[in-house]
Amino acid sequence: MQETTFAITGEYIELIKLLKAIGMAEHGAAAKQMVSDGIVYLNHQKESRFRAKLRKNDVVTVNNHQITIQ
């Protein structure tokens, strides 16, 4: 599994914005499609909210890629 950390500067980042920021999705529609397809997990639970607020220590998993929010 590939592991990445992503540092946020504010209180949170929205899920689809994170997927775009790390390059997993080219644009918002692609990020939304990933969530709709059921391949995005937040803290080991399937996530269906496009704009889920990710905070420090949250873990997002997409396929074999794990992103830890810092």
Protein backbone atom coordinates (compact mmCIF):
# COMPACT_ATOMS: atom_id res chain seq x y z
CA MET A 1 0.00 0.00 0.00
CA GLN A 2 1.29 3.45 -0.91
CA GLU A 3 1.15 5.93 1.96
CA THR A 4 1.07 9.72 1.70
CA THR A 5 0.64 12.53 4.19
CA PHE A 6 -1.14 15.77 3.34
CA ALA A 7 -0.76 18.87 5.49
CA ILE A 8 -3.74 21.20 5.76
CA THR A 9 -3.40 24.85 6.68
CA GLY A 10 -6.96 25.46 7.85
CA GLU A 11 -9.34 23.57 10.08
CA TYR A 12 -10.34 21.08 7.37
CA ILE A 13 -10.27 20.20 3.67
CA GLU A 14 -13.22 18.79 1.73
CA LEU A 15 -12.84 15.26 0.37
CA ILE A 16 -13.14 16.10 -3.33
CA LYS A 17 -10.66 18.96 -2.92
CA LEU A 18 -8.17 16.57 -1.34
CA LEU A 19 -8.52 14.09 -4.20
CA LYS A 20 -7.78 16.89 -6.66
CA ALA A 21 -4.92 18.35 -4.59
CA ILE A 22 -2.99 15.08 -4.41
CA GLY A 23 -3.53 14.36 -8.09
CA MET A 24 -5.80 11.34 -7.75
CA ALA A 25 -8.55 13.18 -9.68
CA GLU A 26 -7.96 15.61 -12.55
CA HIS A 27 -11.10 17.64 -11.79
CA GLY A 28 -14.08 17.80 -9.47
CA ALA A 29 -16.28 15.58 -11.60
CA ALA A 30 -13.66 12.81 -11.54
CA ALA A 31 -13.35 13.13 -7.74
CA LYS A 32 -17.13 12.92 -7.33
CA GLN A 33 -17.21 9.83 -9.57
CA MET A 34 -14.61 8.11 -7.39
CA VAL A 35 -16.77 8.72 -4.32
CA SER A 36 -19.93 7.59 -6.16
CA ASP A 37 -18.16 4.41 -7.27
CA GLY A 38 -17.64 3.51 -3.61
CA ILE A 39 -13.84 3.29 -3.73
CA VAL A 40 -13.15 6.06 -1.21
CA TYR A 41 -12.90 5.22 2.48
CA LEU A 42 -12.61 7.65 5.39
CA ASN A 43 -11.17 6.16 8.57
CA HIS A 44 -11.79 2.64 7.22
CA GLN A 45 -15.48 3.24 6.40
CA LYS A 46 -16.91 3.77 2.95
CA GLU A 47 -17.51 7.49 2.42
CA SER A 48 -20.37 8.78 0.26
CA ARG A 49 -20.23 12.50 1.06
CA PHE A 50 -18.39 14.51 -1.61
CA ARG A 51 -17.72 17.38 0.73
CA ALA A 52 -16.88 15.41 3.86
CA LYS A 53 -14.72 17.63 6.07
CA LEU A 54 -11.35 16.01 6.64
CA ARG A 55 -9.43 17.07 9.71
CA LYS A 56 -6.02 16.27 11.14
CA ASN A 57 -5.40 12.56 11.77
CA ASP A 58 -8.16 11.45 9.37
CA VAL A 59 -7.14 8.66 6.99
CA VAL A 60 -8.48 8.45 3.45
CA THR A 61 -8.00 5.25 1.47
CA VAL A 62 -8.53 4.93 -2.29
CA ASN A 63 -7.65 1.58 -3.83
CA ASN A 64 -4.14 0.87 -2.48
CA HIS A 65 -3.31 4.46 -1.60
CA GLN A 66 -3.62 5.75 1.96
CA ILE A 67 -3.55 9.48 2.72
CA THR A 68 -3.14 10.72 6.29
CA ILE A 69 -4.22 14.30 6.99
CA GLN A 70 -1.80 16.34 9.09
